[in-house]
Amino acid sequence: MKKWIIFLSILVLAMCGLLIKVYLSAVDPLKTAEKKAVSLAKKEISLTEVEDFHIYNGNETVNVIEGKSKKGDNVIVWIPEKSKEIFVRKANNGLTKEAAIQKLQQEKSPKKIISVRLGMEKNIPLWEIYYRSNNNLINYYYVHFDTGEWLKKIENL
């Protein structure tokens, strides 16, 4: 019986080690992309603080950084992966997350908003709102960051 307990303990520890290795391998590309994007943003626009980072996968992959500039302004930085051109906007000069949600709610009546995130397509900064409609179908609603106008809708998936 003692041998079985030792064997099972070793097996559980080996499985935990394997799961940790798989997790770290899966997260590594995201951390690498974040390091590259943040260092580029710090070099080009004097970004001093990073509050959020995510990768937007639309027509092309775009790294999005929310942070503070050297002057203390809240800024949003979009870095398309292919061109490495940097797009910077002051956060208060564009549409807020709440205003983008309100725009959606004026036009549609979403059952549940799943996520709201910044992105970019064709060099246009935007908010992507992913939500479920009343008939429980998946929908995407894209709002222009600068003007607040809707860019496109993908409905009933």
Protein backbone atom coordinates (compact mmCIF):
# COMPACT_ATOMS: atom_id res chain seq x y z
CA MET A 1 0.00 0.00 0.00
CA LYS A 2 2.86 2.36 0.87
CA LYS A 3 4.41 1.78 -2.58
CA TRP A 4 1.12 2.76 -4.26
CA ILE A 5 0.92 6.01 -2.31
CA ILE A 6 4.51 6.89 -3.23
CA PHE A 7 3.89 5.97 -6.89
CA LEU A 8 0.68 8.04 -7.06
CA SER A 9 2.39 11.00 -5.37
CA ILE A 10 5.23 10.91 -7.91
CA LEU A 11 2.70 10.61 -10.74
CA VAL A 12 0.68 13.60 -9.48
CA LEU A 13 3.85 15.71 -9.09
CA ALA A 14 4.99 14.76 -12.60
CA MET A 15 1.59 15.73 -14.04
CA CYS A 16 1.66 19.06 -12.19
CA GLY A 17 5.15 19.76 -13.51
CA LEU A 18 4.03 18.93 -17.04
CA LEU A 19 0.98 21.20 -16.78
CA ILE A 20 3.12 24.07 -15.49
CA LYS A 21 5.57 23.62 -18.38
CA VAL A 22 2.73 23.62 -20.93
CA TYR A 23 1.23 26.77 -19.39
CA LEU A 24 4.56 28.62 -19.38
CA SER A 25 5.18 27.60 -23.00
CA ALA A 26 1.74 28.90 -24.00
CA VAL A 27 2.20 32.27 -22.25
CA ASP A 28 5.75 32.87 -23.51
CA PRO A 29 4.82 34.30 -26.97
CA LEU A 30 2.46 36.81 -25.34
CA LYS A 31 5.13 37.96 -22.90
CA THR A 32 7.69 38.25 -25.72
CA ALA A 33 5.30 40.34 -27.83
CA GLU A 34 4.54 42.56 -24.83
CA LYS A 35 8.24 43.16 -24.11
CA LYS A 36 8.94 44.10 -27.75
CA ALA A 37 5.91 46.40 -28.03
CA VAL A 38 6.54 48.13 -24.70
CA SER A 39 10.23 48.73 -25.45
CA LEU A 40 9.34 50.16 -28.87
CA ALA A 41 6.68 52.43 -27.34
CA LYS A 42 9.03 53.58 -24.59
CA LYS A 43 11.70 54.39 -27.15
CA GLU A 44 9.42 56.16 -29.66
CA ILE A 45 6.94 58.09 -27.48
CA SER A 46 8.50 58.12 -24.00
CA LEU A 47 5.91 55.82 -22.46
CA THR A 48 6.57 55.77 -18.72
CA GLU A 49 3.92 53.42 -17.35
CA VAL A 50 2.04 50.47 -18.83
CA GLU A 51 -1.44 49.87 -17.44
CA ASP A 52 -2.68 47.26 -19.92
CA PHE A 53 -1.43 45.27 -22.88
CA HIS A 54 -3.27 42.98 -25.23
CA ILE A 55 -3.04 41.63 -28.74
CA TYR A 56 -5.86 42.34 -31.18
CA ASN A 57 -6.30 39.82 -33.98
CA GLY A 58 -8.43 41.32 -36.73
CA ASN A 59 -7.39 41.65 -40.37
CA GLU A 60 -3.86 41.87 -38.97
CA THR A 61 -2.31 41.46 -35.55
CA VAL A 62 -2.00 44.66 -33.54
CA ASN A 63 -0.35 45.15 -30.14
CA VAL A 64 -2.34 47.58 -27.99
CA ILE A 65 -0.83 49.32 -24.97
CA GLU A 66 -2.65 51.57 -22.52
CA GLY A 67 -0.39 53.65 -20.31
CA LYS A 68 0.95 57.04 -19.35
CA SER A 69 3.25 59.35 -21.27
CA LYS A 70 6.15 61.30 -19.83
CA LYS A 71 3.79 64.28 -19.45
CA GLY A 72 1.41 62.19 -17.34
CA ASP A 73 -1.28 61.89 -20.04
CA ASN A 74 -3.20 58.64 -20.41
CA VAL A 75 -2.31 57.36 -23.87
CA ILE A 76 -3.22 54.42 -26.05
CA VAL A 77 -0.62 52.98 -28.42
CA TRP A 78 -1.41 50.72 -31.37
CA ILE A 79 1.50 48.88 -32.99
CA PRO A 80 0.56 46.76 -36.04
CA GLU A 81 2.81 43.72 -36.14
CA LYS A 82 3.66 43.90 -39.85
CA SER A 83 4.38 47.59 -40.28
CA LYS A 84 5.72 48.44 -36.79
CA GLU A 85 4.28 51.94 -37.36
CA ILE A 86 3.14 53.43 -34.07
CA PHE A 87 -0.27 55.06 -33.67
CA VAL A 88 -0.75 57.09 -30.50
CA ARG A 89 -3.86 58.80 -29.16
CA LYS A 90 -4.54 60.52 -25.88
CA ALA A 91 -7.20 58.47 -24.14
CA ASN A 92 -9.35 61.53 -23.40
CA ASN A 93 -9.38 62.57 -27.09
CA GLY A 94 -11.21 59.42 -28.12
CA LEU A 95 -14.27 57.42 -27.22
CA THR A 96 -14.24 55.80 -23.79
CA LYS A 97 -15.11 52.17 -23.23
CA GLU A 98 -18.35 53.19 -21.53
CA ALA A 99 -19.31 55.49 -24.42
CA ALA A 100 -18.69 52.67 -26.91
CA ILE A 101 -20.97 50.38 -24.89
CA GLN A 102 -23.61 53.10 -24.73
CA LYS A 103 -23.42 53.52 -28.52
CA LEU A 104 -24.07 49.78 -28.90
CA GLN A 105 -26.98 49.88 -26.48
CA GLN A 106 -28.58 52.76 -28.40
CA GLU A 107 -28.64 50.72 -31.61
CA LYS A 108 -29.00 47.18 -30.30
CA SER A 109 -30.27 45.55 -27.16
CA PRO A 110 -27.53 43.11 -26.20
CA LYS A 111 -28.40 40.29 -23.84
CA LYS A 112 -24.84 40.10 -22.50
CA ILE A 113 -21.70 42.03 -23.36
CA ILE A 114 -18.85 39.53 -23.26
CA SER A 115 -15.85 41.78 -23.96
CA VAL A 116 -14.92 45.29 -25.03
CA ARG A 117 -11.40 45.92 -26.24
CA LEU A 118 -9.32 48.25 -28.32
CA GLY A 119 -8.09 47.21 -31.74
CA MET A 120 -7.18 48.51 -35.17
CA GLU A 121 -8.15 47.65 -38.72
CA LYS A 122 -6.84 49.36 -41.86
CA ASN A 123 -4.98 51.84 -39.63
CA ILE A 124 -8.25 52.91 -37.96
CA PRO A 125 -8.27 52.66 -34.15
CA LEU A 126 -11.48 51.10 -32.89
CA TRP A 127 -13.41 49.50 -30.08
CA GLU A 128 -14.48 45.90 -30.65
CA ILE A 129 -17.55 44.91 -28.66
CA TYR A 130 -18.30 41.20 -28.50
CA TYR A 131 -21.79 40.42 -27.24
CA ARG A 132 -24.69 37.96 -27.28
CA SER A 133 -28.05 39.01 -28.67
CA ASN A 134 -31.41 38.09 -27.17
CA ASN A 135 -31.58 34.98 -29.37
CA ASN A 136 -28.22 33.95 -27.82
CA LEU A 137 -26.21 34.44 -31.02
CA ILE A 138 -22.70 35.93 -31.09
CA ASN A 139 -22.24 39.44 -32.50
CA TYR A 140 -19.38 41.89 -33.00
CA TYR A 141 -19.84 45.65 -33.15
CA TYR A 142 -16.96 47.94 -34.15
CA VAL A 143 -16.92 51.62 -33.17
CA HIS A 144 -14.38 54.18 -34.43
CA PHE A 145 -12.20 55.32 -31.51
CA ASP A 146 -11.84 58.92 -32.74
CA THR A 147 -15.33 59.72 -34.04
CA GLY A 148 -17.63 57.27 -32.25
CA GLU A 149 -19.21 56.16 -35.52
CA TRP A 150 -19.85 52.48 -36.12
CA LEU A 151 -17.48 50.93 -38.61
CA LYS A 152 -18.94 47.49 -39.10
CA LYS A 153 -21.13 44.85 -37.55
CA ILE A 154 -20.86 41.09 -37.65
CA GLU A 155 -24.13 39.63 -36.50
CA ASN A 156 -25.83 36.33 -35.76
CA LEU A 157 -22.91 33.93 -35.68
